[in-house]
N, C-alpha and C. Protein backbone atom coordinates (compact mmCIF):
# COMPACT_ATOMS: atom_id res chain seq x y z
N MET A 1 154.55 120.03 60.92
CA MET A 1 153.77 119.68 59.89
C MET A 1 154.19 119.01 58.51
N ILE A 2 155.03 120.06 57.86
CA ILE A 2 156.04 119.99 56.46
C ILE A 2 156.98 118.70 56.54
N GLU A 3 157.61 118.81 57.86
CA GLU A 3 158.38 117.77 58.12
C GLU A 3 158.04 116.16 58.08
N SER A 4 156.79 116.10 59.02
CA SER A 4 155.90 114.62 58.43
C SER A 4 155.24 114.02 57.47
N LEU A 5 154.66 115.31 57.09
CA LEU A 5 154.57 115.41 55.30
C LEU A 5 155.48 115.11 54.84
N VAL A 6 156.64 115.19 54.66
CA VAL A 6 157.62 114.86 53.56
C VAL A 6 157.96 113.98 54.18
N ALA A 7 158.47 113.19 55.59
CA ALA A 7 158.29 111.62 56.21
C ALA A 7 157.65 110.48 55.24
N ILE A 8 156.02 110.92 55.49
CA ILE A 8 155.32 110.77 55.02
C ILE A 8 154.91 110.03 53.07
N VAL A 9 155.60 111.48 52.66
CA VAL A 9 155.97 110.93 50.96
C VAL A 9 156.91 110.08 51.46
N VAL A 10 158.07 110.26 51.75
CA VAL A 10 159.74 109.26 51.42
C VAL A 10 158.88 107.68 51.39
N ALA A 11 158.37 107.32 52.87
CA ALA A 11 158.38 106.63 53.22
C ALA A 11 157.60 105.67 51.93
N ALA A 12 156.42 106.15 51.37
CA ALA A 12 155.55 105.49 50.75
C ALA A 12 156.15 105.58 49.07
N LEU A 13 157.01 106.05 48.91
CA LEU A 13 158.00 106.01 48.18
C LEU A 13 158.47 104.90 47.99
N GLY A 14 159.46 104.78 49.44
CA GLY A 14 160.23 103.62 49.27
C GLY A 14 159.52 102.10 49.81
N ILE A 15 158.12 102.05 50.56
CA ILE A 15 157.43 101.33 50.01
C ILE A 15 156.91 101.04 48.90
N LEU A 16 156.46 101.75 47.76
CA LEU A 16 156.56 101.67 46.34
C LEU A 16 157.74 100.74 45.85
N GLY A 17 158.81 101.08 45.90
CA GLY A 17 159.97 100.86 45.27
C GLY A 17 160.32 99.28 45.62
N ILE A 18 159.80 99.24 47.05
CA ILE A 18 159.98 97.98 47.29
C ILE A 18 159.27 96.76 47.18
N LEU A 19 158.07 97.07 46.74
CA LEU A 19 156.36 96.63 46.22
C LEU A 19 157.10 96.48 44.91
N GLY A 20 157.56 97.19 44.10
CA GLY A 20 158.29 96.82 42.68
C GLY A 20 158.68 95.97 42.29
N THR A 21 159.98 95.95 43.14
CA THR A 21 161.41 95.34 43.02
C THR A 21 160.91 93.37 43.20
N GLN A 22 159.66 93.46 44.30
CA GLN A 22 159.12 92.16 44.71
C GLN A 22 158.46 91.64 43.37
N MET A 23 157.88 92.61 42.86
CA MET A 23 156.38 92.14 41.62
C MET A 23 157.88 91.83 40.29
N ARG A 24 159.10 92.43 40.38
CA ARG A 24 159.37 92.07 38.88
C ARG A 24 160.28 90.58 39.55
N THR A 25 160.21 91.00 40.90
CA THR A 25 161.16 89.22 41.48
C THR A 25 159.76 88.16 40.99
N LEU A 26 159.26 88.62 41.38
CA LEU A 26 158.03 87.15 41.21
C LEU A 26 157.56 87.13 39.48
N THR A 27 157.61 88.12 38.83
CA THR A 27 158.11 87.82 37.47
C THR A 27 159.02 86.97 36.75
N ASP A 28 159.65 87.74 37.37
CA ASP A 28 161.63 86.82 36.81
C ASP A 28 161.32 85.47 36.81
N THR A 29 160.77 84.80 38.15
CA THR A 29 160.52 83.84 38.92
C THR A 29 159.67 82.93 37.80
N GLN A 30 158.28 83.73 37.55
CA GLN A 30 157.72 82.69 36.77
C GLN A 30 157.94 82.30 35.18
N THR A 31 158.50 83.66 34.54
CA THR A 31 159.50 83.11 33.63
C THR A 31 160.63 81.92 33.51
N THR A 32 160.84 81.78 34.64
CA THR A 32 162.01 81.02 34.37
C THR A 32 161.16 79.68 35.07
N VAL A 33 160.31 79.10 35.45
CA VAL A 33 159.30 78.69 35.65
C VAL A 33 158.90 78.06 34.83
N ARG A 34 158.49 78.76 33.68
CA ARG A 34 157.84 78.16 32.16
C ARG A 34 158.71 77.92 31.63
N ARG A 35 159.95 78.31 31.41
CA ARG A 35 161.28 78.11 30.50
C ARG A 35 161.59 76.69 30.62
N ALA A 36 161.89 76.36 32.23
CA ALA A 36 162.33 75.68 32.52
C ALA A 36 160.94 73.80 32.50
N GLN A 37 159.60 74.60 32.69
CA GLN A 37 158.84 73.72 31.92
C GLN A 37 158.86 73.29 30.34
N ALA A 38 159.06 74.51 29.67
CA ALA A 38 159.37 74.26 28.21
C ALA A 38 160.52 72.78 27.63
N ILE A 39 161.47 73.17 28.66
CA ILE A 39 162.99 72.24 28.32
C ILE A 39 162.42 71.22 28.53
N ARG A 40 161.71 70.58 29.84
CA ARG A 40 161.19 69.51 29.89
C ARG A 40 159.92 68.66 28.96
N LEU A 41 159.32 69.98 28.74
CA LEU A 41 158.33 69.33 27.69
C LEU A 41 159.35 69.04 26.08
N ILE A 42 160.09 69.88 25.78
CA ILE A 42 161.15 69.03 24.78
C ILE A 42 161.87 67.83 25.11
N GLU A 43 162.26 67.64 26.27
CA GLU A 43 163.01 66.69 26.47
C GLU A 43 161.97 64.95 26.73
N ASP A 44 160.79 65.34 26.90
CA ASP A 44 159.90 64.47 27.31
C ASP A 44 159.61 63.91 25.47
N LEU A 45 159.66 65.21 24.30
CA LEU A 45 159.43 64.55 23.10
C LEU A 45 160.35 64.10 22.62
N GLY A 46 161.48 64.59 23.14
CA GLY A 46 162.89 63.99 22.55
C GLY A 46 162.93 62.52 23.00
N GLU A 47 162.53 61.90 24.17
CA GLU A 47 162.41 60.50 24.56
C GLU A 47 161.28 59.87 23.89
N ARG A 48 159.85 60.33 23.36
CA ARG A 48 159.02 59.55 23.00
C ARG A 48 159.55 59.36 21.47
N MET A 49 160.45 60.00 20.42
CA MET A 49 161.06 60.03 19.40
C MET A 49 162.11 58.70 19.34
N LYS A 50 162.96 59.07 20.38
CA LYS A 50 163.70 58.11 20.93
C LYS A 50 163.15 56.56 20.88
N VAL A 51 162.33 56.34 21.36
CA VAL A 51 161.40 55.34 21.14
C VAL A 51 161.02 54.34 20.11
N ASN A 52 160.65 55.71 18.98
CA ASN A 52 160.44 54.93 17.61
C ASN A 52 161.59 54.68 16.63
N PRO A 53 161.78 53.31 16.42
CA PRO A 53 163.01 52.79 15.62
C PRO A 53 162.84 53.78 14.45
N SER A 54 161.91 54.37 13.78
CA SER A 54 162.14 54.69 12.85
C SER A 54 161.88 56.49 12.20
N VAL A 55 162.51 57.03 13.87
CA VAL A 55 162.16 58.03 13.42
C VAL A 55 163.33 58.96 12.57
N LEU A 56 164.33 58.32 12.10
CA LEU A 56 165.25 59.21 11.33
C LEU A 56 165.03 58.86 9.83
N ARG A 57 164.04 58.05 9.56
CA ARG A 57 163.83 57.89 8.05
C ARG A 57 162.05 58.71 7.86
N ASP A 58 161.91 58.59 9.12
CA ASP A 58 160.05 59.14 9.13
C ASP A 58 159.72 60.56 10.00
N ALA A 59 161.44 61.43 10.17
CA ALA A 59 160.93 62.51 10.41
C ALA A 59 159.59 63.50 10.37
N ASP A 60 159.24 63.91 9.15
CA ASP A 60 158.11 63.98 8.06
C ASP A 60 157.17 63.91 9.18
N ALA A 61 157.03 62.96 9.87
CA ALA A 61 155.95 62.86 10.02
C ALA A 61 155.47 63.44 11.47
N TYR A 62 156.77 63.99 12.11
CA TYR A 62 156.50 64.56 13.41
C TYR A 62 156.36 66.12 13.31
N VAL A 63 156.51 66.90 11.92
CA VAL A 63 156.30 68.07 11.33
C VAL A 63 155.14 68.51 11.54
N ALA A 64 154.86 69.60 12.53
CA ALA A 64 153.84 69.93 12.46
C ALA A 64 154.02 71.31 13.18
N ASP A 65 152.93 72.63 12.89
CA ASP A 65 153.37 74.18 12.93
C ASP A 65 152.57 74.06 14.01
N PHE A 66 152.25 75.06 14.96
CA PHE A 66 151.31 75.87 16.04
C PHE A 66 150.02 75.31 16.00
N ASN A 67 149.24 75.33 14.73
CA ASN A 67 148.00 75.12 14.52
C ASN A 67 147.57 73.64 14.48
N THR A 68 148.21 72.95 14.26
CA THR A 68 148.26 71.69 14.17
C THR A 68 148.42 70.43 15.22
N THR A 69 147.18 69.77 15.39
CA THR A 69 147.55 68.86 16.51
C THR A 69 146.30 67.52 15.72
N PRO A 70 147.16 66.59 15.61
CA PRO A 70 146.91 65.66 15.08
C PRO A 70 145.70 64.77 16.26
N ALA A 71 144.87 64.12 15.70
CA ALA A 71 144.04 63.36 16.52
C ALA A 71 144.86 61.65 16.98
N PRO A 72 145.22 61.55 18.16
CA PRO A 72 146.09 60.49 18.47
C PRO A 72 145.19 59.24 18.30
N GLY A 73 145.60 58.16 18.26
CA GLY A 73 144.77 56.56 18.28
C GLY A 73 145.38 56.44 19.92
N ASP A 74 144.89 55.07 19.91
CA ASP A 74 145.01 54.52 21.46
C ASP A 74 146.61 53.65 21.05
N CYS A 75 147.66 53.62 20.81
CA CYS A 75 148.48 52.83 21.20
C CYS A 75 149.03 52.41 22.10
N GLN A 76 148.09 52.64 23.17
CA GLN A 76 148.93 51.46 24.25
C GLN A 76 147.26 50.39 23.91
N ALA A 77 146.37 50.66 23.69
CA ALA A 77 145.24 49.25 23.09
C ALA A 77 145.57 48.67 22.98
N ALA A 78 146.37 48.99 21.26
CA ALA A 78 146.64 48.49 20.17
C ALA A 78 147.74 48.46 19.81
N SER A 79 148.74 47.94 18.91
CA SER A 79 149.19 47.78 18.41
C SER A 79 149.30 49.07 16.81
N CYS A 80 150.59 50.10 17.01
CA CYS A 80 150.61 50.99 16.04
C CYS A 80 151.76 50.96 14.97
N ASN A 81 151.26 50.95 13.75
CA ASN A 81 152.73 51.11 13.02
C ASN A 81 153.07 52.45 13.21
N ARG A 82 154.11 52.67 12.19
CA ARG A 82 155.31 54.00 12.68
C ARG A 82 154.45 55.30 12.57
N THR A 83 153.78 55.47 11.56
CA THR A 83 152.43 56.53 11.05
C THR A 83 152.07 56.86 12.09
N LEU A 84 151.45 55.92 12.88
CA LEU A 84 150.33 56.19 14.06
C LEU A 84 151.16 55.85 14.66
N LEU A 85 152.16 55.75 15.10
CA LEU A 85 153.19 56.18 16.40
C LEU A 85 153.53 57.20 16.21
N ALA A 86 154.10 57.89 15.63
CA ALA A 86 154.17 59.26 15.13
C ALA A 86 152.71 60.07 15.58
N ALA A 87 151.91 60.04 15.38
CA ALA A 87 150.54 60.64 14.82
C ALA A 87 150.25 60.89 16.52
N TYR A 88 150.62 59.61 17.45
CA TYR A 88 149.99 59.14 18.89
C TYR A 88 150.68 60.07 19.71
N ASP A 89 152.15 59.75 19.21
CA ASP A 89 153.14 61.18 20.11
C ASP A 89 152.84 62.18 20.49
N LEU A 90 152.90 62.60 18.61
CA LEU A 90 152.33 64.15 18.91
C LEU A 90 151.43 65.05 19.24
N GLY A 91 150.43 63.85 19.01
CA GLY A 91 149.04 64.73 19.72
C GLY A 91 149.06 64.50 21.33
N VAL A 92 149.58 63.52 21.52
CA VAL A 92 149.68 63.76 23.41
C VAL A 92 150.23 64.69 23.61
N TRP A 93 151.33 64.88 23.28
CA TRP A 93 152.48 65.74 23.70
C TRP A 93 152.09 66.83 23.45
N LYS A 94 151.13 67.44 22.06
CA LYS A 94 150.92 68.79 21.99
C LYS A 94 149.73 68.98 22.99
N GLN A 95 149.08 67.68 23.65
CA GLN A 95 147.79 68.38 24.26
C GLN A 95 148.53 68.60 25.67
N THR A 96 149.55 67.35 26.18
CA THR A 96 150.52 68.29 27.36
C THR A 96 150.86 69.35 27.16
N VAL A 97 151.53 70.25 26.42
CA VAL A 97 152.24 71.42 26.17
C VAL A 97 150.65 72.27 26.44
N LYS A 98 150.09 72.07 25.36
CA LYS A 98 148.46 73.14 26.11
C LYS A 98 147.98 73.04 27.38
N ASN A 99 148.05 72.01 27.61
CA ASN A 99 148.01 71.82 29.62
C ASN A 99 148.78 72.59 30.69
N THR A 100 150.17 72.65 29.86
CA THR A 100 150.94 72.36 31.10
C THR A 100 151.46 74.76 31.18
N LEU A 101 151.06 74.80 29.93
CA LEU A 101 151.91 76.13 29.55
C LEU A 101 150.96 77.39 29.41
N PRO A 102 150.41 78.20 30.05
CA PRO A 102 149.34 79.38 29.17
C PRO A 102 149.49 79.65 28.14
N LEU A 103 148.32 79.44 27.36
CA LEU A 103 148.19 79.39 25.92
C LEU A 103 148.77 78.78 25.20
N GLY A 104 149.27 77.71 25.85
CA GLY A 104 150.85 76.91 25.41
C GLY A 104 150.76 75.98 24.15
N GLN A 105 151.48 76.37 23.04
CA GLN A 105 151.47 75.99 21.73
C GLN A 105 152.96 75.33 21.30
N ALA A 106 153.16 74.63 20.36
CA ALA A 106 154.52 74.11 19.71
C ALA A 106 154.30 74.05 18.30
N SER A 107 155.44 74.22 17.80
CA SER A 107 155.68 73.86 16.40
C SER A 107 156.90 73.01 16.64
N ILE A 108 156.95 72.25 15.48
CA ILE A 108 157.67 71.13 15.30
C ILE A 108 158.23 71.24 13.68
N PHE A 109 159.45 71.21 13.34
CA PHE A 109 160.08 71.76 12.22
C PHE A 109 161.01 70.99 11.72
N LEU A 110 161.33 70.72 10.38
CA LEU A 110 162.73 70.13 9.51
C LEU A 110 164.00 71.34 9.88
N ALA A 111 165.30 71.10 10.53
CA ALA A 111 166.25 72.20 10.78
C ALA A 111 166.35 72.36 9.35
N PRO A 112 166.74 74.07 9.32
CA PRO A 112 166.83 75.10 7.68
C PRO A 112 168.10 74.23 6.93
N GLY A 113 168.15 73.84 5.92
CA GLY A 113 169.72 73.29 5.31
C GLY A 113 169.24 71.64 5.38
N GLU A 114 168.33 71.41 5.93
CA GLU A 114 168.18 69.49 6.04
C GLU A 114 167.11 69.20 5.81
N GLU A 115 166.22 69.67 4.90
CA GLU A 115 165.02 69.17 4.29
C GLU A 115 165.14 67.73 3.29
N VAL A 116 166.74 67.62 2.54
CA VAL A 116 166.91 66.29 2.70
C VAL A 116 166.60 65.43 3.12
N GLY A 117 166.48 64.06 3.07
CA GLY A 117 166.22 63.32 3.45
C GLY A 117 167.58 62.63 4.16
N ALA A 118 168.59 62.68 3.41
CA ALA A 118 169.66 61.88 3.75
C ALA A 118 170.63 62.61 4.61
N ASN A 119 170.07 64.31 5.05
CA ASN A 119 170.79 65.04 5.33
C ASN A 119 170.28 65.27 6.98
N ARG A 120 169.21 64.53 7.48
CA ARG A 120 168.43 64.81 8.55
C ARG A 120 169.40 64.34 9.52
N ARG A 121 169.53 65.17 10.37
CA ARG A 121 170.71 64.64 11.84
C ARG A 121 169.47 65.21 13.09
N GLN A 122 168.63 66.06 12.57
CA GLN A 122 167.98 66.98 13.73
C GLN A 122 166.68 67.93 13.39
N ILE A 123 166.23 67.70 14.60
CA ILE A 123 164.28 68.93 13.82
C ILE A 123 164.58 69.85 15.00
N GLY A 124 163.75 70.88 14.57
CA GLY A 124 163.81 71.96 15.65
C GLY A 124 162.42 71.61 16.73
N VAL A 125 162.35 72.48 17.60
CA VAL A 125 161.00 72.56 18.28
C VAL A 125 161.01 73.63 19.20
N MET A 126 159.95 74.16 18.45
CA MET A 126 159.74 75.68 19.07
C MET A 126 158.33 75.22 20.47
N VAL A 127 158.55 76.22 21.20
CA VAL A 127 157.15 76.16 22.31
C VAL A 127 157.01 77.11 22.89
N ALA A 128 155.62 77.88 23.24
CA ALA A 128 155.20 79.22 22.77
C ALA A 128 154.33 79.30 24.24
N TRP A 129 154.38 79.94 24.76
CA TRP A 129 153.61 80.26 25.90
C TRP A 129 152.92 81.72 26.10
N ARG A 130 152.03 82.24 26.98
CA ARG A 130 151.51 83.64 26.65
C ARG A 130 151.92 84.38 27.89
N GLU A 131 153.00 85.44 27.32
CA GLU A 131 153.19 86.37 28.86
C GLU A 131 153.10 87.37 28.63
N ASN A 132 152.66 88.67 29.30
CA ASN A 132 152.59 90.32 29.30
C ASN A 132 153.92 90.88 29.29
N GLU A 133 154.52 90.23 30.06
CA GLU A 133 155.97 91.13 30.93
C GLU A 133 156.72 91.69 29.20
N ARG A 134 157.13 91.16 27.89
CA ARG A 134 158.26 91.36 27.26
C ARG A 134 156.91 92.06 26.40
N ASP A 135 156.89 93.42 25.83
CA ASP A 135 156.21 94.17 24.72
C ASP A 135 156.98 94.40 23.18
N LEU A 136 157.01 93.51 22.33
CA LEU A 136 157.86 93.39 21.31
C LEU A 136 157.13 94.01 20.14
N SER A 137 156.02 95.04 20.57
CA SER A 137 155.25 95.89 19.04
C SER A 137 156.43 96.58 18.69
N ASP A 138 157.41 97.00 19.42
CA ASP A 138 158.48 97.97 18.80
C ASP A 138 159.78 97.67 18.18
N SER A 139 159.42 97.10 17.03
CA SER A 139 160.68 96.34 16.47
C SER A 139 162.03 97.38 16.30
N SER A 140 161.80 98.81 17.08
CA SER A 140 162.88 99.22 16.87
C SER A 140 163.78 99.25 17.66
N GLN A 141 163.55 99.00 18.84
CA GLN A 141 163.94 98.36 20.04
C GLN A 141 165.06 97.76 19.52
N ALA A 142 166.49 97.64 20.06
CA ALA A 142 167.44 97.20 19.64
C ALA A 142 167.13 95.25 20.42
N ASN A 143 167.21 95.47 21.49
CA ASN A 143 167.31 94.63 22.59
C ASN A 143 165.97 93.65 21.91
N GLN A 144 164.80 94.37 22.10
CA GLN A 144 163.59 93.47 21.56
C GLN A 144 163.54 92.49 20.06
N LYS A 145 164.62 93.40 19.12
CA LYS A 145 164.69 92.56 18.01
C LYS A 145 165.63 91.51 18.17
N ALA A 146 166.99 91.77 19.15
CA ALA A 146 168.19 90.83 18.99
C ALA A 146 166.74 89.51 19.76
N TYR A 147 166.39 89.85 20.95
CA TYR A 147 165.42 88.55 21.36
C TYR A 147 165.26 87.86 20.73
N ARG A 148 163.90 88.31 19.47
CA ARG A 148 163.44 87.75 18.88
C ARG A 148 164.55 87.47 17.47
N ASP A 149 165.76 87.74 17.33
CA ASP A 149 166.29 87.30 16.10
C ASP A 149 167.26 86.05 16.63
N ASN A 150 167.20 85.70 17.98
CA ASN A 150 167.86 84.62 18.53
C ASN A 150 166.89 83.32 18.69
N ILE A 151 165.34 83.54 18.53
CA ILE A 151 164.64 82.62 18.33
C ILE A 151 163.47 82.36 16.88
N ASP A 152 164.59 83.04 16.21
CA ASP A 152 163.57 82.89 14.86
C ASP A 152 164.82 81.77 13.71
N ALA A 153 164.13 80.57 13.71
CA ALA A 153 164.09 79.12 13.01
C ALA A 153 164.46 79.39 11.66
N THR A 154 163.45 80.49 10.86
CA THR A 154 163.89 80.83 9.49
C THR A 154 165.79 80.86 9.29
N GLN A 155 166.13 81.46 10.28
CA GLN A 155 167.65 82.29 9.74
C GLN A 155 168.33 81.84 10.55
N VAL A 156 169.95 81.65 9.38
CA VAL A 156 171.15 80.88 10.06
C VAL A 156 172.17 81.68 10.72
N ARG A 157 172.49 81.93 12.00
CA ARG A 157 173.38 82.88 12.32
C ARG A 157 175.18 82.71 12.20
N ALA A 158 175.59 83.18 10.87
CA ALA A 158 176.74 83.08 10.95
C ALA A 158 178.30 82.78 12.33
N ALA A 159 179.23 82.96 11.63
CA ALA A 159 180.18 82.57 13.08
C ALA A 159 180.53 84.12 13.06
N ASP A 160 180.43 85.30 12.57
CA ASP A 160 180.67 86.58 12.45
C ASP A 160 178.93 87.00 13.07
N GLY A 161 178.22 86.31 13.45
CA GLY A 161 177.25 86.87 14.09
C GLY A 161 175.98 87.53 13.08
N THR A 162 176.31 87.49 12.22
CA THR A 162 175.13 87.66 10.89
C THR A 162 173.98 86.81 10.69
N LEU A 163 172.74 86.84 10.53
CA LEU A 163 171.76 86.15 10.06
C LEU A 163 171.43 86.42 8.61
N SER A 164 171.07 84.89 8.17
CA SER A 164 170.73 84.89 6.70
C SER A 164 170.12 83.48 6.63
N SER A 165 169.10 83.73 5.41
CA SER A 165 168.03 82.37 5.26
C SER A 165 168.48 81.15 5.32
N GLY A 166 167.85 80.38 5.85
CA GLY A 166 168.44 79.03 6.58
C GLY A 166 168.47 78.18 5.14
N GLY A 167 168.10 78.80 3.94
CA GLY A 167 168.59 77.75 2.70
C GLY A 167 167.16 76.92 2.84
N GLY A 168 166.27 77.38 2.17
CA GLY A 168 164.78 76.63 2.25
C GLY A 168 164.11 77.17 3.32
N GLY A 169 164.04 75.78 4.42
CA GLY A 169 163.73 76.28 5.44
C GLY A 169 161.98 76.80 5.39
N THR A 170 161.54 76.20 4.55
CA THR A 170 159.53 76.31 4.40
C THR A 170 159.04 76.07 5.57
N THR A 171 159.33 74.62 6.54
CA THR A 171 159.15 74.37 7.64
C THR A 171 159.48 74.98 8.72
N ALA A 172 160.75 75.90 8.74
CA ALA A 172 161.11 76.30 9.96
C ALA A 172 160.15 77.50 10.15
N THR A 173 159.80 78.05 11.70
CA THR A 173 159.21 78.85 11.71
C THR A 173 159.71 79.97 13.00
N SER A 174 159.29 80.74 13.02
CA SER A 174 159.82 82.38 14.13
C SER A 174 158.80 82.42 15.20
N CYS A 175 158.61 83.09 16.24
CA CYS A 175 157.89 83.13 17.21
C CYS A 175 156.78 84.22 17.04
N PRO A 176 155.64 83.49 18.04
CA PRO A 176 154.40 84.33 16.94
C PRO A 176 153.91 85.56 18.08
N ASP A 177 154.17 86.74 17.50
CA ASP A 177 153.39 87.54 18.51
C ASP A 177 153.16 87.95 19.29
N GLY A 178 153.52 88.28 20.33
CA GLY A 178 152.47 88.50 22.16
C GLY A 178 152.81 86.82 22.71
N TYR A 179 153.83 86.11 22.01
CA TYR A 179 153.83 84.81 22.90
C TYR A 179 155.78 85.13 23.29
N THR A 180 155.93 84.15 24.11
CA THR A 180 157.70 84.24 25.05
C THR A 180 157.83 82.43 23.95
N CYS A 181 159.31 82.16 23.75
CA CYS A 181 159.43 81.34 22.98
C CYS A 181 160.31 80.41 24.02
N HIS A 182 160.64 79.09 23.72
CA HIS A 182 162.12 78.41 23.52
C HIS A 182 162.18 77.78 22.84
N LEU A 183 163.27 78.00 22.08
CA LEU A 183 163.97 76.99 20.86
C LEU A 183 164.97 76.26 21.01
N GLN A 184 164.62 74.99 20.61
CA GLN A 184 166.01 73.86 21.13
C GLN A 184 165.76 72.84 19.62
N TYR A 185 166.98 72.01 19.95
CA TYR A 185 167.36 71.59 18.47
C TYR A 185 167.58 69.73 18.82
N LEU A 186 166.71 69.14 18.34
CA LEU A 186 166.32 67.63 18.82
C LEU A 186 167.14 66.97 18.05
N PRO A 187 168.61 65.75 18.52
CA PRO A 187 169.01 65.31 17.59
C PRO A 187 168.48 63.99 17.09
N LEU A 188 168.42 63.53 16.13
CA LEU A 188 167.68 62.04 15.40
C LEU A 188 168.54 61.25 15.11
N ALA A 189 167.88 60.27 15.76
CA ALA A 189 169.45 58.70 15.87
C ALA A 189 168.27 57.18 15.28
N ALA A 190 168.86 56.55 14.46
CA ALA A 190 168.56 55.14 13.74
C ALA A 190 168.71 54.05 15.12
N ARG A 191 168.17 52.97 15.62
CA ARG A 191 167.78 52.39 16.26
C ARG A 191 167.60 50.61 15.87
N CYS A 192 168.32 49.71 15.79
CA CYS A 192 167.48 48.52 15.28
C CYS A 192 166.45 48.28 16.84
N ALA A 193 165.41 47.35 16.43
CA ALA A 193 164.57 46.65 16.97
C ALA A 193 164.11 45.69 16.74
N PRO A 194 163.44 45.15 17.53
CA PRO A 194 163.25 43.60 16.97
C PRO A 194 162.42 43.15 16.26
N TYR A 195 162.02 42.08 15.62
CA TYR A 195 160.50 41.91 14.90
C TYR A 195 160.00 40.49 14.99
N PHE A 196 158.46 40.65 15.73
CA PHE A 196 158.46 39.25 16.23
C PHE A 196 157.50 38.70 15.63
N GLY A 197 156.65 39.31 14.18
CA GLY A 197 156.00 38.73 13.16
C GLY A 197 156.06 37.78 12.22
N SER A 198 157.44 36.90 12.37
CA SER A 198 157.57 35.99 12.10
C SER A 198 157.70 35.28 12.35
N GLY A 199 156.90 34.65 13.71
CA GLY A 199 156.68 33.59 14.33
C GLY A 199 158.22 32.83 14.88
N GLU A 200 159.22 33.06 14.41
CA GLU A 200 160.58 32.26 14.99
C GLU A 200 160.93 32.29 16.16
N ALA A 201 161.59 31.32 16.68
CA ALA A 201 161.99 31.58 18.11
C ALA A 201 162.93 32.96 18.17
N ILE A 202 164.16 32.58 17.53
CA ILE A 202 165.03 34.01 17.10
C ILE A 202 164.79 35.55 16.52
N PRO A 203 164.24 36.26 17.24
CA PRO A 203 163.47 37.73 16.48
C PRO A 203 164.52 37.94 15.46
N GLN A 204 164.20 38.45 14.37
CA GLN A 204 165.09 38.99 13.65
C GLN A 204 164.78 40.86 13.86
N TYR A 205 165.55 41.62 13.50
CA TYR A 205 166.19 42.60 13.92
C TYR A 205 166.17 43.53 12.93
N PHE A 206 165.38 45.02 12.41
CA PHE A 206 165.30 45.51 11.31
C PHE A 206 166.23 46.97 11.87
N CYS A 207 166.90 47.58 10.86
CA CYS A 207 167.21 48.52 10.90
C CYS A 207 166.91 50.03 9.94
N PRO A 208 165.81 50.46 10.53
CA PRO A 208 165.76 51.94 9.74
C PRO A 208 166.79 52.62 8.72
N GLY A 209 167.07 52.68 8.05
CA GLY A 209 168.09 53.94 7.27
C GLY A 209 169.24 53.18 6.83
N PHE A 210 169.06 51.90 7.46
CA PHE A 210 170.26 50.60 6.57
C PHE A 210 169.86 49.60 5.85
């Protein structure tokens, strides 16, 4: 009788261990999927910015914190100037982030140290979504602090691994409490675009920033 009870207890513990492993695997899979979705969303924003020929000069138009979502106009039915195009891209993209990720939100900011217009070569994008698997309430745990430091865009990591202020960086951001975040930087590039408003047979080209 005792041997049977011991066998049942051992079997139950084994089953619980298997279930725990499966749950952990499922959680890791979901986290990987969410991060892949965040990367694709950031790539989508990058492609939208490439279409805007004035993005290098008008990078400020794309800056928005987690709580800012501009009301986009309709740039598909009517022509938009560069400011309206940036607002349209930002509004549509932020709505896509919200619809794709659980409690998804995003912040777009000028890279620390590149607030001066002539120095701008990239912007930072942080996508955040809600997950309960990672507890960051206890900042004394080294691994949790390292995780948050790695996605803190208000700081710059030196070659020796030390962190310091980004040098201004008032528009930079860090991951909100209780969220999982993905941080990525997008390069800004200027390109020439044709101008058909002159009515000439041969279109004129303008190159922002040149």
